[in-house]
Amino acid sequence: IDLIKGYIDLGAPIDGVNRGKYTYLMEASSGDLLSIVNLLCEYPDTDPNIVVVRGRGRRKKEFTALSLAKSDAVKAALIACGAAQ
């Protein structure tokens, strides 16, 4: 957690994306990492409502951090962070 906090404090984009085009908050929520979700939500620049579209045509799906969350605790943290239900 300290490493991630230091990384963000150095100016890393909070809503940056990984190779799969998911934001760091999406990755933390899908991995059930409550402490990381809480850490990212402490920063005012964090947007829990970013939508990532995967696939084309009928296979097209939209994902948000809330839709990827696995546990109720992570979902509650995201809602407290401002995620739209």
C-alpha atoms as a PDB file:
ATOM      1  CA  ILE A   1       0.000   0.000   0.000  1.00  0.00           C
ATOM      2  CA  ASP A   2       2.859   2.374   0.807  1.00  0.00           C
ATOM      3  CA  LEU A   3       4.371   1.702  -2.609  1.00  0.00           C
ATOM      4  CA  ILE A   4       1.118   2.556  -4.377  1.00  0.00           C
ATOM      5  CA  LYS A   5       0.655   5.665  -2.225  1.00  0.00           C
ATOM      6  CA  GLY A   6       4.185   6.802  -3.080  1.00  0.00           C
ATOM      7  CA  TYR A   7       3.594   6.085  -6.751  1.00  0.00           C
ATOM      8  CA  ILE A   8       0.478   8.269  -6.751  1.00  0.00           C
ATOM      9  CA  ASP A   9       2.181  11.003  -4.727  1.00  0.00           C
ATOM     10  CA  LEU A  10       4.904  11.155  -7.387  1.00  0.00           C
ATOM     11  CA  GLY A  11       2.269  12.085  -9.960  1.00  0.00           C
ATOM     12  CA  ALA A  12       1.159   8.781 -11.445  1.00  0.00           C
ATOM     13  CA  PRO A  13      -2.260   9.091 -13.068  1.00  0.00           C
ATOM     14  CA  ILE A  14      -4.861   7.674 -10.686  1.00  0.00           C
ATOM     15  CA  ASP A  15      -7.195   6.780 -13.523  1.00  0.00           C
ATOM     16  CA  GLY A  16      -4.415   5.273 -15.606  1.00  0.00           C
ATOM     17  CA  VAL A  17      -5.083   1.987 -17.341  1.00  0.00           C
ATOM     18  CA  ASN A  18      -3.284  -1.337 -17.612  1.00  0.00           C
ATOM     19  CA  ARG A  19      -2.887  -3.476 -20.737  1.00  0.00           C
ATOM     20  CA  GLY A  20      -6.497  -4.654 -20.506  1.00  0.00           C
ATOM     21  CA  LYS A  21      -7.691  -1.018 -20.472  1.00  0.00           C
ATOM     22  CA  TYR A  22      -9.022  -1.295 -16.900  1.00  0.00           C
ATOM     23  CA  THR A  23      -8.292   1.481 -14.409  1.00  0.00           C
ATOM     24  CA  TYR A  24      -6.351   0.766 -11.234  1.00  0.00           C
ATOM     25  CA  LEU A  25      -9.575   1.092  -9.247  1.00  0.00           C
ATOM     26  CA  MET A  26     -11.235  -1.523 -11.467  1.00  0.00           C
ATOM     27  CA  GLU A  27      -8.336  -3.915 -10.958  1.00  0.00           C
ATOM     28  CA  ALA A  28      -8.420  -3.428  -7.187  1.00  0.00           C
ATOM     29  CA  SER A  29     -12.174  -3.961  -6.999  1.00  0.00           C
ATOM     30  CA  SER A  30     -12.090  -7.064  -9.182  1.00  0.00           C
ATOM     31  CA  GLY A  31      -9.278  -8.484  -7.063  1.00  0.00           C
ATOM     32  CA  ASP A  32     -11.230  -7.838  -3.837  1.00  0.00           C
ATOM     33  CA  LEU A  33      -8.470  -5.546  -2.542  1.00  0.00           C
ATOM     34  CA  LEU A  34     -10.453  -3.403  -0.122  1.00  0.00           C
ATOM     35  CA  SER A  35      -7.448  -1.556   1.303  1.00  0.00           C
ATOM     36  CA  ILE A  36      -6.315  -0.484  -2.194  1.00  0.00           C
ATOM     37  CA  VAL A  37      -9.859   0.608  -3.114  1.00  0.00           C
ATOM     38  CA  ASN A  38     -10.001   2.708   0.056  1.00  0.00           C
ATOM     39  CA  LEU A  39      -6.569   4.176  -0.683  1.00  0.00           C
ATOM     40  CA  LEU A  40      -7.504   5.152  -4.242  1.00  0.00           C
ATOM     41  CA  CYS A  41     -10.802   6.644  -3.061  1.00  0.00           C
ATOM     42  CA  GLU A  42      -8.925   8.986  -0.703  1.00  0.00           C
ATOM     43  CA  TYR A  43      -7.737  10.984  -3.704  1.00  0.00           C
ATOM     44  CA  PRO A  44     -10.219  13.519  -5.111  1.00  0.00           C
ATOM     45  CA  ASP A  45      -9.158  12.761  -8.710  1.00  0.00           C
ATOM     46  CA  THR A  46     -10.406   9.169  -8.510  1.00  0.00           C
ATOM     47  CA  ASP A  47     -13.428   8.567 -10.727  1.00  0.00           C
ATOM     48  CA  PRO A  48     -15.220   5.310  -9.884  1.00  0.00           C
ATOM     49  CA  ASN A  49     -17.678   5.793 -12.757  1.00  0.00           C
ATOM     50  CA  ILE A  50     -15.283   5.317 -15.680  1.00  0.00           C
ATOM     51  CA  VAL A  51     -16.782   2.894 -18.189  1.00  0.00           C
ATOM     52  CA  VAL A  52     -14.622   0.490 -20.189  1.00  0.00           C
ATOM     53  CA  VAL A  53     -16.221  -1.104 -23.251  1.00  0.00           C
ATOM     54  CA  ARG A  54     -14.937  -4.508 -24.334  1.00  0.00           C
ATOM     55  CA  GLY A  55     -15.940  -6.480 -27.420  1.00  0.00           C
ATOM     56  CA  ARG A  56     -17.930  -5.573 -30.504  1.00  0.00           C
ATOM     57  CA  GLY A  57     -21.441  -6.067 -31.762  1.00  0.00           C
ATOM     58  CA  ARG A  58     -23.523  -8.428 -29.662  1.00  0.00           C
ATOM     59  CA  ARG A  59     -20.525  -9.315 -27.515  1.00  0.00           C
ATOM     60  CA  LYS A  60     -20.033  -5.703 -26.458  1.00  0.00           C
ATOM     61  CA  LYS A  61     -20.023  -5.283 -22.669  1.00  0.00           C
ATOM     62  CA  GLU A  62     -19.526  -2.282 -20.433  1.00  0.00           C
ATOM     63  CA  PHE A  63     -17.588  -2.538 -17.189  1.00  0.00           C
ATOM     64  CA  THR A  64     -17.212  -0.209 -14.217  1.00  0.00           C
ATOM     65  CA  ALA A  65     -15.375  -0.662 -10.936  1.00  0.00           C
ATOM     66  CA  LEU A  66     -18.699  -1.426  -9.245  1.00  0.00           C
ATOM     67  CA  SER A  67     -19.687  -4.068 -11.801  1.00  0.00           C
ATOM     68  CA  LEU A  68     -16.328  -5.810 -11.339  1.00  0.00           C
ATOM     69  CA  ALA A  69     -16.444  -5.792  -7.519  1.00  0.00           C
ATOM     70  CA  LYS A  70     -16.694  -9.238  -5.976  1.00  0.00           C
ATOM     71  CA  SER A  71     -17.482  -8.579  -2.324  1.00  0.00           C
ATOM     72  CA  ASP A  72     -20.096  -6.487  -0.571  1.00  0.00           C
ATOM     73  CA  ALA A  73     -17.390  -4.629   1.372  1.00  0.00           C
ATOM     74  CA  VAL A  74     -15.715  -3.455  -1.839  1.00  0.00           C
ATOM     75  CA  LYS A  75     -19.095  -2.501  -3.339  1.00  0.00           C
ATOM     76  CA  ALA A  76     -19.916  -0.448  -0.220  1.00  0.00           C
ATOM     77  CA  ALA A  77     -16.520   1.301  -0.405  1.00  0.00           C
ATOM     78  CA  LEU A  78     -17.078   2.147  -4.079  1.00  0.00           C
ATOM     79  CA  ILE A  79     -20.561   3.517  -3.401  1.00  0.00           C
ATOM     80  CA  ALA A  80     -19.107   5.651  -0.593  1.00  0.00           C
ATOM     81  CA  CYS A  81     -16.495   6.822  -3.097  1.00  0.00           C
ATOM     82  CA  GLY A  82     -19.240   8.036  -5.444  1.00  0.00           C
ATOM     83  CA  ALA A  83     -19.880   5.092  -7.762  1.00  0.00           C
ATOM     84  CA  ALA A  84     -23.259   5.264  -9.468  1.00  0.00           C
ATOM     85  CA  GLN A  85     -25.443   2.266  -8.858  1.00  0.00           C
END
